[in-house]
Amino acid sequence: MPKTKKLPILITFILCTLSACNTELSKDVNGSFGILGTELERNTKQLTVEIDLKISEASQSRVEVSENEKVSILNPILNSVSTIKVNTYHKLTKDYVAYLTEIEEEFIKSDKNPLFYNGKVTQKGKEYLRQTRSYTEEIEKLWINKLTKNKVSILLSTEGIQSYKGTKVSHISYYFDDLPTRGIIVYLKQKKYNVLALEKDFLNDLILKNLTEQLNSQH
C-alpha cells in the first residue's frame, strides 16, 4: 500500500489514541506529529500541482500531427459546461483551503484555542462550522458520480462523533477541544489534503465523462 494511502489511517489512529491518553503520552507523540505534518505538507503541495496541471491539460485545445503532417486542432477534453463546473469547484476549494490555513496559522502563533474556550464554541468556531457546511453543500451540487459523492459527506461531515468512551460528542469538541495543539494542526493539514484529494477525484470523474461522450459522438 502506498505511503499516502496509509497516512490518513495512521493520523486517525494517533488522534483517536490521544483522546484517551494522559499528558505524558501526548508529549511522547509530539515528534510523530511533526513528521506527519511535514509529510502532509509535501503531499498536499504535490497534489496541488497535479490538480493545476490536470485542469490546464483538460481545458486547452490540443494539436495533433498526423502521418502526412497535416495538423488537426482537437477540442479540449472538457466541454464548456464542464469547464464552468471545474472552475467553480476549483475556486471554492482554493478559498476553503486558504481559510483552513488561516485557522492553522492561528493555532501555530498562539497558545489560545480560537475555536473553543472554557468548554464552549467561540464565534470563530461557529464560523468554522458554517464555512465547512457551506463548502460541502456547494461542491456536492457539482458532483456527478453518486458513489464518489459519498466521500464528501464522510470526509467533511461536521456531525457528532462517538468518542472512545461510547458517548456522542460534537465534531468541534472532538477535534478542537480534547486534542493538544499539535494534534489539531495535523488534523487541519489532513483536512486540506482530503479536500484536494476530493477535487482530484471530481476532476477525474468529469474528464472520464467528457472523454466517453467524445468517443461516443465519433461513432
Protein backbone atom coordinates (compact mmCIF):
# COMPACT_ATOMS: atom_id res chain seq x y z
CA MET A 1 0.00 0.00 0.00
CA PRO A 2 1.44 3.42 -0.96
CA LYS A 3 2.57 5.67 1.88
CA THR A 4 0.00 8.37 1.02
CA LYS A 5 -2.79 5.82 1.46
CA LYS A 6 -1.53 4.77 4.88
CA LEU A 7 -1.10 8.33 6.13
CA PRO A 8 -4.76 9.21 6.85
CA ILE A 9 -5.22 5.89 8.69
CA LEU A 10 -2.12 6.49 10.84
CA ILE A 11 -3.18 10.05 11.66
CA THR A 12 -6.68 8.93 12.61
CA PHE A 13 -5.21 6.28 14.92
CA ILE A 14 -2.96 8.79 16.65
CA LEU A 15 -5.71 11.38 17.02
CA CYS A 16 -8.11 8.85 18.49
CA THR A 17 -5.45 7.44 20.81
CA LEU A 18 -4.59 10.90 22.10
CA SER A 19 -8.19 11.49 23.09
CA ALA A 20 -7.78 8.71 25.63
CA CYS A 21 -4.19 9.43 26.66
CA ASN A 22 -2.60 11.31 29.52
CA THR A 23 -0.31 14.33 29.18
CA GLU A 24 2.92 12.31 29.26
CA LEU A 25 1.92 10.20 26.29
CA SER A 26 0.82 13.33 24.45
CA LYS A 27 4.34 14.72 24.86
CA ASP A 28 5.85 11.48 23.56
CA VAL A 29 3.97 11.65 20.25
CA ASN A 30 4.79 15.30 19.52
CA GLY A 31 7.69 14.09 17.39
CA SER A 32 5.29 11.93 15.38
CA PHE A 33 3.04 14.94 14.84
CA GLY A 34 5.99 16.84 13.39
CA ILE A 35 6.80 14.03 10.96
CA LEU A 36 3.17 13.63 9.90
CA GLY A 37 2.73 17.37 9.47
CA THR A 38 5.80 17.63 7.25
CA GLU A 39 4.73 14.69 5.10
CA LEU A 40 1.21 16.06 4.76
CA GLU A 41 2.53 19.43 3.59
CA ARG A 42 4.73 17.75 0.98
CA ASN A 43 1.89 15.55 -0.30
CA THR A 44 -0.53 18.50 -0.34
CA LYS A 45 1.86 20.61 -2.44
CA GLN A 46 2.30 17.75 -4.90
CA LEU A 47 -1.46 17.23 -5.12
CA THR A 48 -1.97 20.95 -5.81
CA VAL A 49 0.50 20.79 -8.71
CA GLU A 50 -1.23 17.70 -10.14
CA ILE A 51 -4.65 19.35 -9.97
CA ASP A 52 -3.47 22.56 -11.66
CA LEU A 53 -1.79 20.55 -14.43
CA LYS A 54 -4.83 18.34 -14.95
CA ILE A 55 -7.16 21.35 -15.23
CA SER A 56 -4.80 23.04 -17.69
CA GLU A 57 -4.43 19.99 -19.91
CA ALA A 58 -8.15 19.19 -19.95
CA SER A 59 -9.19 22.78 -20.71
CA GLN A 60 -6.79 23.59 -23.55
CA SER A 61 -7.12 22.66 -27.21
CA ARG A 62 -4.64 20.03 -28.35
CA VAL A 63 -2.64 19.85 -31.56
CA GLU A 64 -2.21 16.52 -33.30
CA VAL A 65 0.18 15.86 -36.21
CA SER A 66 -0.90 13.02 -38.48
CA GLU A 67 1.36 10.81 -40.59
CA ASN A 68 1.01 13.07 -43.65
CA GLU A 69 1.97 16.04 -41.42
CA LYS A 70 -1.45 17.62 -41.52
CA VAL A 71 -2.11 19.42 -38.27
CA SER A 72 -5.53 18.98 -36.69
CA ILE A 73 -6.76 21.05 -33.76
CA LEU A 74 -8.67 18.89 -31.30
CA ASN A 75 -11.27 20.17 -28.92
CA PRO A 76 -10.46 20.40 -25.21
CA ILE A 77 -11.37 17.35 -23.16
CA LEU A 78 -13.79 19.40 -21.07
CA ASN A 79 -16.81 20.94 -22.75
CA SER A 80 -17.99 24.43 -21.84
CA VAL A 81 -20.43 23.26 -19.15
CA SER A 82 -17.82 21.03 -17.53
CA THR A 83 -15.22 23.81 -17.67
CA ILE A 84 -17.55 26.09 -15.72
CA LYS A 85 -18.08 23.34 -13.14
CA VAL A 86 -14.33 22.77 -12.82
CA ASN A 87 -13.56 26.46 -12.40
CA THR A 88 -16.34 26.86 -9.83
CA TYR A 89 -15.20 23.82 -7.86
CA HIS A 90 -11.56 24.91 -8.03
CA LYS A 91 -12.30 28.40 -6.69
CA LEU A 92 -14.47 27.04 -3.87
CA THR A 93 -11.68 24.66 -2.90
CA LYS A 94 -8.91 27.26 -3.06
CA ASP A 95 -10.93 29.60 -0.84
CA TYR A 96 -11.73 26.87 1.69
CA VAL A 97 -8.14 25.60 1.83
CA ALA A 98 -6.96 29.20 2.37
CA TYR A 99 -9.50 29.50 5.20
CA LEU A 100 -8.23 26.31 6.86
CA THR A 101 -4.67 27.62 6.54
CA GLU A 102 -5.68 30.80 8.36
CA ILE A 103 -7.04 28.76 11.26
CA GLU A 104 -3.94 26.58 11.27
CA GLU A 105 -1.69 29.65 11.49
CA GLU A 106 -3.71 30.96 14.44
CA PHE A 107 -3.04 27.72 16.33
CA ILE A 108 0.66 27.92 15.42
CA LYS A 109 1.07 31.54 16.56
CA SER A 110 -0.92 31.38 19.80
CA ASP A 111 -1.41 29.01 22.72
CA LYS A 112 -5.08 30.01 22.86
CA ASN A 113 -7.64 27.92 21.05
CA PRO A 114 -9.51 30.27 18.65
CA LEU A 115 -12.37 27.79 18.13
CA PHE A 116 -13.01 26.57 21.65
CA TYR A 117 -12.76 28.34 25.01
CA ASN A 118 -13.80 27.23 28.52
CA GLY A 119 -15.76 24.31 27.14
CA LYS A 120 -17.73 26.44 24.69
CA VAL A 121 -17.55 27.01 20.95
CA THR A 122 -16.32 30.52 20.13
CA GLN A 123 -17.62 32.76 17.34
CA LYS A 124 -14.66 31.63 15.22
CA GLY A 125 -15.62 28.04 15.99
CA LYS A 126 -19.17 28.67 14.77
CA GLU A 127 -17.71 30.33 11.67
CA TYR A 128 -15.56 27.23 11.03
CA LEU A 129 -18.67 25.04 11.13
CA ARG A 130 -20.57 27.43 8.86
CA GLN A 131 -17.73 27.64 6.33
CA THR A 132 -17.29 23.86 6.28
CA ARG A 133 -21.01 23.17 5.82
CA SER A 134 -21.31 25.84 3.14
CA TYR A 135 -18.31 24.48 1.21
CA THR A 136 -19.64 20.92 1.48
CA GLU A 137 -23.09 21.89 0.20
CA GLU A 138 -21.68 23.86 -2.75
CA ILE A 139 -19.34 21.16 -4.03
CA GLU A 140 -21.96 18.44 -3.57
CA LYS A 141 -24.09 20.28 -6.13
CA LEU A 142 -21.29 19.86 -8.69
CA TRP A 143 -20.54 16.17 -8.24
CA ILE A 144 -21.87 13.84 -10.93
CA ASN A 145 -20.79 10.45 -9.55
CA LYS A 146 -23.07 9.39 -6.71
CA LEU A 147 -20.61 6.83 -5.36
CA THR A 148 -17.67 9.20 -5.06
CA LYS A 149 -20.05 11.94 -3.93
CA ASN A 150 -20.50 9.99 -0.70
CA LYS A 151 -16.84 10.68 0.13
CA VAL A 152 -17.73 14.34 0.58
CA SER A 153 -20.20 13.57 3.35
CA ILE A 154 -17.78 11.20 5.07
CA LEU A 155 -14.64 13.36 4.93
CA LEU A 156 -16.24 16.77 5.51
CA SER A 157 -19.01 15.87 7.92
CA THR A 158 -19.50 18.14 10.94
CA GLU A 159 -21.96 15.78 12.61
CA GLY A 160 -21.46 14.47 16.13
CA ILE A 161 -18.91 11.67 16.71
CA GLN A 162 -18.94 8.74 19.09
CA SER A 163 -15.99 9.11 21.44
CA TYR A 164 -13.79 6.34 22.81
CA LYS A 165 -15.98 6.40 25.93
CA GLY A 166 -19.00 5.50 23.83
CA THR A 167 -20.71 8.85 24.24
CA LYS A 168 -21.61 11.16 21.36
CA VAL A 169 -19.73 14.46 21.26
CA SER A 170 -19.87 17.35 18.83
CA HIS A 171 -17.48 17.43 15.88
CA ILE A 172 -15.78 20.62 17.01
CA SER A 173 -15.36 19.39 20.58
CA TYR A 174 -13.88 16.07 19.44
CA TYR A 175 -11.27 17.59 17.14
CA PHE A 176 -10.64 21.03 18.63
CA ASP A 177 -11.03 20.68 22.41
CA ASP A 178 -9.59 17.37 23.60
CA LEU A 179 -6.53 17.26 21.35
CA PRO A 180 -3.23 19.07 22.04
CA THR A 181 -2.43 21.98 19.73
CA ARG A 182 -0.01 19.99 17.57
CA GLY A 183 -2.66 17.33 17.06
CA ILE A 184 -5.16 19.98 15.95
CA ILE A 185 -2.64 21.41 13.48
CA VAL A 186 -2.05 17.97 11.97
CA TYR A 187 -5.81 17.44 11.73
CA LEU A 188 -6.18 20.71 9.79
CA LYS A 189 -3.35 19.69 7.45
CA GLN A 190 -5.05 16.35 6.89
CA LYS A 191 -8.35 18.11 6.17
CA LYS A 192 -6.71 20.26 3.49
CA TYR A 193 -5.20 17.15 1.91
CA ASN A 194 -8.60 15.41 1.95
CA VAL A 195 -10.27 18.41 0.31
CA LEU A 196 -7.72 18.43 -2.52
CA ALA A 197 -7.97 14.65 -2.94
CA LEU A 198 -11.72 15.07 -3.37
CA GLU A 199 -11.14 17.72 -6.03
CA LYS A 200 -8.82 15.38 -7.91
CA ASP A 201 -11.50 12.65 -7.81
CA PHE A 202 -14.04 15.18 -9.07
CA LEU A 203 -11.77 16.14 -11.99
CA ASN A 204 -11.11 12.51 -12.88
CA ASP A 205 -14.84 11.75 -12.95
CA LEU A 206 -15.61 14.77 -15.11
CA ILE A 207 -12.74 14.14 -17.53
CA LEU A 208 -13.74 10.49 -17.93
CA LYS A 209 -17.35 11.51 -18.59
CA ASN A 210 -16.29 14.03 -21.26
CA LEU A 211 -13.89 11.63 -22.96
CA THR A 212 -16.59 8.94 -23.09
CA GLU A 213 -19.04 11.38 -24.65
CA GLN A 214 -16.45 12.46 -27.24
CA LEU A 215 -15.71 8.86 -28.20
CA ASN A 216 -19.39 8.01 -28.47
CA SER A 217 -20.02 11.04 -30.71
CA GLN A 218 -17.37 9.77 -33.17
CA HIS A 219 -19.28 6.55 -33.81
